[in-house]
Amino acid sequence: MTESAGRTLEWIVDDPGEVTPEWMTDALRRGGTDAEVVGLRHQPVGGGQLSSSHRFHLDVRPGGTDPAPSSVVLKLAAGSPEGRGQIVPGYRSEVGYYTRFAPGARIRVPRCWSAAITADGRTFTLVLEDAHPALPGLQVDGCGIPEAEAALRNLAGLHGPFWNTDGLADGADWLRRTDEAGFGFLGEVLAAAMVPFLDRFRDRFRDRLPPADADTLRRTVDHFARWGRQVCTRHTLIHGDYRLDNLLFAGSHEVMAVDWQSLEIGFAGRDVAYFLSTALPPAVRRAQENTLVRAYHERLVQMGVDDYPLEECFRDYRLGTPQAPLLTVLGCVYATNEPTESSDRMFLSMITNACSAIRDLGTLELLGSR
């Protein structure tokens, strides 16, 4: 267990083997479940590079006043000290989301019994609801229309409660907000990443990255500063990486969002467009995007966002599409894990779908006219 310099550190471990039944009992009680854990065992789940997740099966003494979970998931920091240092803002964002914003949001996420992080941000522990048997989406496979609609309605449950709210970052200096200068810097980083990105796919998928997509990527970079100005208008909390691999599905209508390391104050259309443009094949997206954006908008209205016409919502979806090449290119080039055939096919699927959406929706023309 992390060496204690105060009560909070007692809730942080750096190895799942440090967790005892007494520790787990206290963690559950901290989160409002009065139960006594008398035995436990754990196994790794998922395949994170800079964080790790472990399913704990719990033996609970009968007679508690609250129903106790039979299993929970512990999410911990992982990787080298250097790797952890690079992702400290992400660790702070994830812990901060569960402690500060999850109670006021209406997006479905795992219940969190305990969330704590060290002062240097390099070690954290979350005790979360085990969503099993829900399964993560698969980016390469895409999803069906019912799943896409459920995901977008769930996303509205994040955006709606914080729509144009002032003071979101008050007392939360870890919460990011990318301003116009920040988008300018991101544009420079994206431009620098384009050459290795295109070279990588010319070498590995010479016949799979059409020239039209390479041209769309270059033109998107050229418009990036203008895009940054346009998406610094209305704001809410955004997930920042809302894609199939970060969603858990139980059937076609129940979805849960995980991985909150990219949380920021931002433009809602970035989340909507990133999800829609990467989750559906182009032909399906073209046929269904009006219906799906309408479902998202209806859910916003139900939560009190009544000064946001559907036409404006669809325009913001069009404006949001550069979020997909931004995250895909940077994620591909700067990922810490070694590239594999599977990861390259995922990135290729995302970029070809995203470039198609940018062209179909006339995003660059829209930016050029504003």
Protein backbone atom coordinates (compact mmCIF):
# COMPACT_ATOMS: atom_id res chain seq x y z
CA MET A 1 0.00 0.00 0.00
CA THR A 2 1.19 3.52 -0.74
CA GLU A 3 3.06 5.02 2.20
CA SER A 4 0.56 7.14 4.09
CA ALA A 5 1.03 10.88 4.42
CA GLY A 6 -2.62 11.48 5.23
CA ARG A 7 -5.95 9.70 5.13
CA THR A 8 -6.41 9.88 1.34
CA LEU A 9 -3.31 7.79 0.61
CA GLU A 10 -4.81 4.85 2.48
CA TRP A 11 -7.14 4.40 -0.50
CA ILE A 12 -4.30 4.10 -3.04
CA VAL A 13 -2.51 0.88 -3.93
CA ASP A 14 0.09 0.24 -6.61
CA ASP A 15 -0.31 -3.53 -6.80
CA PRO A 16 -3.57 -5.52 -6.70
CA GLY A 17 -1.85 -7.97 -4.35
CA GLU A 18 -1.86 -5.26 -1.67
CA VAL A 19 -5.66 -5.34 -1.43
CA THR A 20 -6.98 -7.19 1.62
CA PRO A 21 -10.57 -8.03 2.61
CA GLU A 22 -10.36 -5.28 5.24
CA TRP A 23 -9.20 -2.72 2.66
CA MET A 24 -12.03 -3.68 0.31
CA THR A 25 -14.58 -3.54 3.13
CA ASP A 26 -13.51 0.01 3.95
CA ALA A 27 -13.53 1.02 0.26
CA LEU A 28 -17.09 -0.23 -0.21
CA ARG A 29 -18.25 1.48 2.96
CA ARG A 30 -16.56 4.67 1.81
CA GLY A 31 -18.82 4.54 -1.25
CA GLY A 32 -22.02 3.85 0.68
CA THR A 33 -22.26 0.04 0.78
CA ASP A 34 -22.36 -1.37 4.31
CA ALA A 35 -20.91 -4.83 3.74
CA GLU A 36 -18.07 -6.90 5.16
CA VAL A 37 -15.73 -8.61 2.70
CA VAL A 38 -14.24 -11.76 4.20
CA GLY A 39 -12.40 -13.11 1.16
CA LEU A 40 -11.36 -12.08 -2.34
CA ARG A 41 -9.41 -13.12 -5.41
CA HIS A 42 -8.46 -11.14 -8.49
CA GLN A 43 -7.52 -11.47 -12.13
CA PRO A 44 -6.39 -8.94 -14.77
CA VAL A 45 -8.94 -7.68 -17.28
CA GLY A 46 -8.38 -5.58 -20.40
CA GLY A 47 -5.04 -4.68 -21.89
CA GLY A 48 -4.16 -1.11 -20.92
CA GLN A 49 -0.63 0.22 -21.43
CA LEU A 50 -0.45 3.03 -18.86
CA SER A 51 -3.20 1.81 -16.56
CA SER A 52 -4.29 -1.65 -15.52
CA SER A 53 -7.63 -3.12 -14.50
CA HIS A 54 -8.28 -6.09 -12.22
CA ARG A 55 -11.54 -7.89 -11.46
CA PHE A 56 -11.94 -8.72 -7.78
CA HIS A 57 -14.35 -11.51 -6.87
CA LEU A 58 -15.70 -10.85 -3.38
CA ASP A 59 -16.89 -13.15 -0.61
CA VAL A 60 -19.20 -11.09 1.58
CA ARG A 61 -20.41 -11.99 5.06
CA PRO A 62 -24.20 -12.46 5.09
CA GLY A 63 -26.28 -9.99 7.03
CA GLY A 64 -25.13 -6.61 5.77
CA THR A 65 -27.72 -3.85 5.50
CA ASP A 66 -26.96 -3.14 1.80
CA PRO A 67 -26.74 -5.43 -1.24
CA ALA A 68 -23.03 -5.98 -1.88
CA PRO A 69 -21.46 -6.50 -5.30
CA SER A 70 -20.13 -9.98 -6.03
CA SER A 71 -17.26 -8.39 -7.96
CA VAL A 72 -15.69 -4.99 -8.58
CA VAL A 73 -12.97 -3.69 -10.88
CA LEU A 74 -9.88 -1.91 -9.56
CA LYS A 75 -8.22 0.46 -12.02
CA LEU A 76 -4.63 1.38 -11.18
CA ALA A 77 -1.72 3.27 -12.66
CA ALA A 78 0.76 1.14 -14.60
CA GLY A 79 3.88 1.38 -16.70
CA SER A 80 7.27 2.94 -16.18
CA PRO A 81 7.79 6.11 -14.12
CA GLU A 82 8.50 7.95 -17.38
CA GLY A 83 5.31 6.67 -18.97
CA ARG A 84 3.27 7.56 -15.92
CA GLY A 85 4.75 11.03 -15.92
CA GLN A 86 3.51 11.61 -19.46
CA ILE A 87 -0.05 10.70 -18.59
CA VAL A 88 -0.43 12.41 -15.20
CA PRO A 89 -3.04 14.84 -16.65
CA GLY A 90 -5.06 11.83 -17.80
CA TYR A 91 -4.87 10.16 -14.41
CA ARG A 92 -6.01 13.38 -12.73
CA SER A 93 -8.88 13.74 -15.20
CA GLU A 94 -10.19 10.24 -14.63
CA VAL A 95 -10.12 10.45 -10.85
CA GLY A 96 -11.48 14.00 -11.02
CA TYR A 97 -14.39 12.98 -13.20
CA TYR A 98 -15.59 10.35 -10.74
CA THR A 99 -15.10 12.51 -7.65
CA ARG A 100 -16.37 15.85 -8.97
CA PHE A 101 -18.63 15.44 -12.00
CA ALA A 102 -20.10 11.93 -12.08
CA PRO A 103 -22.69 12.69 -9.36
CA GLY A 104 -24.17 15.55 -11.44
CA ALA A 105 -23.96 13.87 -14.85
CA ARG A 106 -26.66 11.71 -16.41
CA ILE A 107 -24.41 9.64 -18.62
CA ARG A 108 -24.24 5.98 -17.64
CA VAL A 109 -20.84 5.12 -16.14
CA PRO A 110 -19.66 2.48 -13.68
CA ARG A 111 -20.57 3.20 -10.08
CA CYS A 112 -17.47 4.37 -8.21
CA TRP A 113 -17.00 3.40 -4.56
CA SER A 114 -13.60 5.00 -4.11
CA ALA A 115 -11.32 7.27 -6.16
CA ALA A 116 -7.98 8.62 -4.96
CA ILE A 117 -4.71 9.86 -6.45
CA THR A 118 -1.30 10.83 -5.04
CA ALA A 119 -0.14 14.43 -4.94
CA ASP A 120 2.28 13.87 -7.83
CA GLY A 121 -0.46 12.25 -9.92
CA ARG A 122 1.57 9.13 -10.76
CA THR A 123 -0.43 6.62 -8.70
CA PHE A 124 -4.19 6.30 -8.39
CA THR A 125 -6.84 3.75 -7.47
CA LEU A 126 -10.46 3.51 -8.59
CA VAL A 127 -12.90 0.95 -7.18
CA LEU A 128 -15.55 0.60 -9.87
CA GLU A 129 -18.68 -1.35 -10.68
CA ASP A 130 -17.96 -4.51 -12.65
CA ALA A 131 -19.99 -4.19 -15.86
CA HIS A 132 -19.57 -7.88 -16.78
CA PRO A 133 -21.09 -9.39 -18.94
CA ALA A 134 -21.21 -6.12 -20.92
CA LEU A 135 -18.60 -6.09 -23.68
CA PRO A 136 -16.55 -3.25 -25.18
CA GLY A 137 -17.29 -2.10 -28.69
CA LEU A 138 -14.81 -3.01 -31.40
CA GLN A 139 -13.59 -0.07 -33.44
CA VAL A 140 -12.69 -2.09 -36.55
CA ASP A 141 -16.06 -3.87 -36.60
CA GLY A 142 -18.17 -0.76 -36.04
CA CYS A 143 -21.62 -1.02 -34.50
CA GLY A 144 -25.27 -1.26 -35.45
CA ILE A 145 -27.76 1.60 -35.53
CA PRO A 146 -29.42 0.70 -32.19
CA GLU A 147 -26.02 0.71 -30.48
CA ALA A 148 -25.09 4.02 -32.12
CA GLU A 149 -28.35 5.64 -31.01
CA ALA A 150 -27.92 4.35 -27.45
CA ALA A 151 -24.34 5.67 -27.36
CA LEU A 152 -25.38 9.14 -28.57
CA ARG A 153 -28.29 9.42 -26.17
CA ASN A 154 -25.91 8.39 -23.39
CA LEU A 155 -23.44 11.05 -24.55
CA ALA A 156 -26.15 13.69 -24.25
CA GLY A 157 -26.32 12.70 -20.59
CA LEU A 158 -22.82 14.13 -20.19
CA HIS A 159 -23.27 17.25 -22.29
CA GLY A 160 -26.73 18.32 -21.12
CA PRO A 161 -26.21 18.88 -17.38
CA PHE A 162 -23.12 21.07 -17.95
CA TRP A 163 -24.27 22.96 -21.08
CA ASN A 164 -22.69 26.44 -21.20
CA THR A 165 -22.11 26.28 -17.44
CA ASP A 166 -19.65 28.85 -16.11
CA GLY A 167 -17.08 27.94 -13.50
CA LEU A 168 -16.71 24.26 -14.40
CA ALA A 169 -12.99 24.40 -13.67
CA ASP A 170 -13.33 26.32 -10.40
CA GLY A 171 -11.39 24.33 -7.83
CA ALA A 172 -10.41 21.79 -10.51
CA ASP A 173 -7.11 22.98 -11.94
CA TRP A 174 -6.62 19.56 -13.54
CA LEU A 175 -9.60 20.10 -15.89
CA ARG A 176 -8.42 21.09 -19.35
CA ARG A 177 -9.90 23.67 -21.68
CA THR A 178 -8.19 24.10 -25.04
CA ASP A 179 -8.31 27.74 -26.12
CA GLU A 180 -7.56 29.18 -29.55
CA ALA A 181 -3.82 29.27 -28.83
CA GLY A 182 -3.97 25.66 -27.69
CA PHE A 183 -5.63 24.61 -30.92
CA GLY A 184 -2.90 26.45 -32.79
CA PHE A 185 -0.29 24.39 -30.96
CA LEU A 186 -2.23 21.17 -31.62
CA GLY A 187 -2.33 22.10 -35.29
CA GLU A 188 1.46 22.36 -35.33
CA VAL A 189 1.78 18.98 -33.58
CA LEU A 190 -0.69 17.44 -36.02
CA ALA A 191 1.19 18.86 -39.01
CA ALA A 192 4.45 17.39 -37.68
CA ALA A 193 2.79 13.99 -37.19
CA MET A 194 1.32 13.83 -40.68
CA VAL A 195 4.52 12.79 -42.47
CA PRO A 196 5.27 9.74 -40.26
CA PHE A 197 1.57 8.83 -40.25
CA LEU A 198 1.27 8.83 -44.05
CA ASP A 199 4.62 7.10 -44.47
CA ARG A 200 3.54 4.35 -42.07
CA PHE A 201 0.41 3.59 -44.04
CA ARG A 202 2.10 3.84 -47.42
CA ASP A 203 4.49 1.16 -46.23
CA ARG A 204 1.96 -1.14 -44.54
CA PHE A 205 -1.24 -0.52 -46.51
CA ARG A 206 -0.08 0.82 -49.84
CA ASP A 207 -3.36 -0.12 -51.53
CA ARG A 208 -5.66 0.81 -48.64
CA LEU A 209 -5.10 4.53 -47.99
CA PRO A 210 -6.64 6.24 -51.00
CA PRO A 211 -5.01 9.44 -52.28
CA ALA A 212 -8.29 11.24 -51.55
CA ASP A 213 -7.89 10.48 -47.83
CA ALA A 214 -4.28 11.69 -47.75
CA ASP A 215 -5.44 14.89 -49.46
CA THR A 216 -8.30 15.32 -46.97
CA LEU A 217 -5.86 14.95 -44.07
CA ARG A 218 -3.53 17.59 -45.48
CA ARG A 219 -6.39 20.00 -46.11
CA THR A 220 -7.70 19.43 -42.58
CA VAL A 221 -4.32 20.44 -41.19
CA ASP A 222 -4.41 23.57 -43.35
CA HIS A 223 -7.80 24.51 -41.85
CA PHE A 224 -6.90 23.65 -38.27
CA ALA A 225 -6.43 27.16 -36.93
CA ARG A 226 -9.78 28.21 -38.39
CA TRP A 227 -11.36 25.10 -36.85
CA GLY A 228 -9.94 25.99 -33.45
CA ARG A 229 -11.62 29.39 -33.57
CA GLN A 230 -14.98 27.85 -34.44
CA VAL A 231 -15.00 25.26 -31.66
CA CYS A 232 -14.15 27.73 -28.89
CA THR A 233 -17.72 29.05 -28.78
CA ARG A 234 -20.35 27.18 -26.73
CA HIS A 235 -19.01 24.68 -24.23
CA THR A 236 -19.83 21.80 -21.93
CA LEU A 237 -17.97 18.86 -20.46
CA ILE A 238 -16.80 16.53 -23.22
CA HIS A 239 -15.42 13.02 -22.94
CA GLY A 240 -12.76 13.75 -25.57
CA ASP A 241 -12.27 10.13 -26.68
CA TYR A 242 -15.84 8.90 -27.06
CA ARG A 243 -15.42 5.91 -29.36
CA LEU A 244 -16.48 2.29 -29.46
CA ASP A 245 -13.42 0.92 -27.65
CA ASN A 246 -14.29 3.14 -24.66
CA LEU A 247 -17.91 2.00 -24.43
CA LEU A 248 -19.36 -1.13 -22.82
CA PHE A 249 -22.52 -2.59 -24.33
CA ALA A 250 -25.06 -4.88 -22.65
CA GLY A 251 -27.39 -5.67 -25.52
CA SER A 252 -28.17 -3.06 -28.14
CA HIS A 253 -29.76 -0.42 -25.90
CA GLU A 254 -27.61 -0.31 -22.75
CA VAL A 255 -24.25 1.42 -22.89
CA MET A 256 -21.73 2.57 -20.30
CA ALA A 257 -18.85 5.02 -20.89
CA VAL A 258 -15.40 4.37 -19.44
CA ASP A 259 -11.86 5.81 -19.73
CA TRP A 260 -12.17 9.46 -18.68
CA GLN A 261 -8.56 10.47 -19.20
CA SER A 262 -9.38 12.93 -22.02
CA LEU A 263 -12.10 14.85 -20.16
CA GLU A 264 -12.15 18.58 -20.89
CA ILE A 265 -14.33 21.65 -21.23
CA GLY A 266 -15.06 21.81 -24.93
CA PHE A 267 -17.35 21.87 -27.93
CA ALA A 268 -20.01 19.13 -27.82
CA GLY A 269 -19.90 18.56 -31.58
CA ARG A 270 -16.37 17.19 -31.23
CA ASP A 271 -17.64 14.21 -29.20
CA VAL A 272 -20.66 13.64 -31.47
CA ALA A 273 -18.66 13.76 -34.68
CA TYR A 274 -15.78 11.69 -33.36
CA PHE A 275 -18.15 8.90 -32.39
CA LEU A 276 -20.37 8.95 -35.47
CA SER A 277 -17.60 9.37 -38.03
CA THR A 278 -15.55 6.45 -36.68
CA ALA A 279 -18.24 4.01 -35.49
CA LEU A 280 -20.19 3.54 -38.72
CA PRO A 281 -19.15 2.66 -42.27
CA PRO A 282 -19.60 5.68 -44.57
CA ALA A 283 -22.65 4.34 -46.42
CA VAL A 284 -24.47 3.55 -43.15
CA ARG A 285 -23.51 6.89 -41.63
CA ARG A 286 -24.78 8.81 -44.66
CA ALA A 287 -28.12 7.02 -44.49
CA GLN A 288 -28.60 7.35 -40.71
CA GLU A 289 -26.75 10.43 -39.45
CA ASN A 290 -29.76 12.74 -39.55
CA THR A 291 -31.80 10.30 -37.46
CA LEU A 292 -28.94 9.70 -35.03
CA VAL A 293 -28.12 13.38 -34.50
CA ARG A 294 -31.84 14.00 -33.96
CA ALA A 295 -31.90 11.32 -31.23
CA TYR A 296 -28.94 12.98 -29.49
CA HIS A 297 -30.62 16.40 -29.80
CA GLU A 298 -33.93 15.10 -28.43
CA ARG A 299 -32.15 13.83 -25.33
CA LEU A 300 -30.47 17.21 -24.84
CA VAL A 301 -33.84 18.94 -25.01
CA GLN A 302 -35.26 16.49 -22.47
CA MET A 303 -32.53 17.63 -20.08
CA GLY A 304 -33.38 21.30 -20.48
CA VAL A 305 -31.14 22.43 -23.36
CA ASP A 306 -33.99 24.30 -25.03
CA ASP A 307 -32.11 27.10 -26.82
CA TYR A 308 -30.24 24.86 -29.26
CA PRO A 309 -32.13 24.21 -32.52
CA LEU A 310 -31.67 20.90 -34.30
CA GLU A 311 -30.20 22.69 -37.34
CA GLU A 312 -27.51 24.22 -35.13
CA CYS A 313 -26.82 20.84 -33.56
CA PHE A 314 -26.30 19.27 -36.98
CA ARG A 315 -24.00 22.12 -38.02
CA ASP A 316 -21.94 21.54 -34.86
CA TYR A 317 -21.72 17.86 -35.79
CA ARG A 318 -20.32 18.93 -39.16
CA LEU A 319 -17.87 21.29 -37.45
CA GLY A 320 -16.74 18.59 -35.04
CA THR A 321 -15.40 16.10 -37.59
CA PRO A 322 -11.69 17.20 -37.42
CA GLN A 323 -11.64 15.72 -33.91
CA ALA A 324 -11.35 12.27 -35.51
CA PRO A 325 -8.21 12.82 -37.61
CA LEU A 326 -6.68 14.82 -34.74
CA LEU A 327 -6.97 11.96 -32.24
CA THR A 328 -6.38 9.19 -34.75
CA VAL A 329 -3.18 10.61 -36.24
CA LEU A 330 -1.71 11.65 -32.88
CA GLY A 331 -2.77 8.40 -31.24
CA CYS A 332 -1.15 6.38 -34.01
CA VAL A 333 2.13 8.29 -34.17
CA TYR A 334 2.68 8.89 -30.46
CA ALA A 335 1.30 5.64 -28.97
CA THR A 336 3.71 4.14 -26.47
CA ASN A 337 2.96 0.52 -27.37
CA GLU A 338 4.52 -1.20 -30.37
CA PRO A 339 2.41 -1.07 -33.56
CA THR A 340 0.69 -4.29 -34.56
CA GLU A 341 -1.31 -5.38 -37.59
CA SER A 342 -4.45 -5.13 -35.46
CA SER A 343 -3.74 -1.60 -34.17
CA ASP A 344 -2.85 -0.38 -37.65
CA ARG A 345 -6.09 -1.74 -39.06
CA MET A 346 -7.99 0.04 -36.31
CA PHE A 347 -6.27 3.36 -37.07
CA LEU A 348 -6.79 2.85 -40.81
CA SER A 349 -10.50 2.12 -40.31
CA MET A 350 -10.92 5.23 -38.19
CA ILE A 351 -9.06 7.54 -40.57
CA THR A 352 -10.79 6.35 -43.76
CA ASN A 353 -14.22 6.66 -42.11
CA ALA A 354 -13.34 10.10 -40.71
CA CYS A 355 -12.01 11.45 -44.02
CA SER A 356 -15.17 10.27 -45.77
CA ALA A 357 -17.28 12.14 -43.19
CA ILE A 358 -15.26 15.34 -43.61
CA ARG A 359 -15.85 15.24 -47.37
CA ASP A 360 -19.51 14.16 -47.21
CA LEU A 361 -20.42 16.84 -44.67
CA GLY A 362 -18.48 19.61 -46.41
CA THR A 363 -16.67 20.46 -43.18
CA LEU A 364 -13.67 22.13 -44.79
CA GLU A 365 -15.94 24.18 -47.04
CA LEU A 366 -17.97 25.17 -43.98
CA LEU A 367 -14.81 26.30 -42.23
CA GLY A 368 -13.64 28.16 -45.31
CA SER A 369 -16.88 30.12 -45.46
CA ARG A 370 -16.81 31.33 -41.87
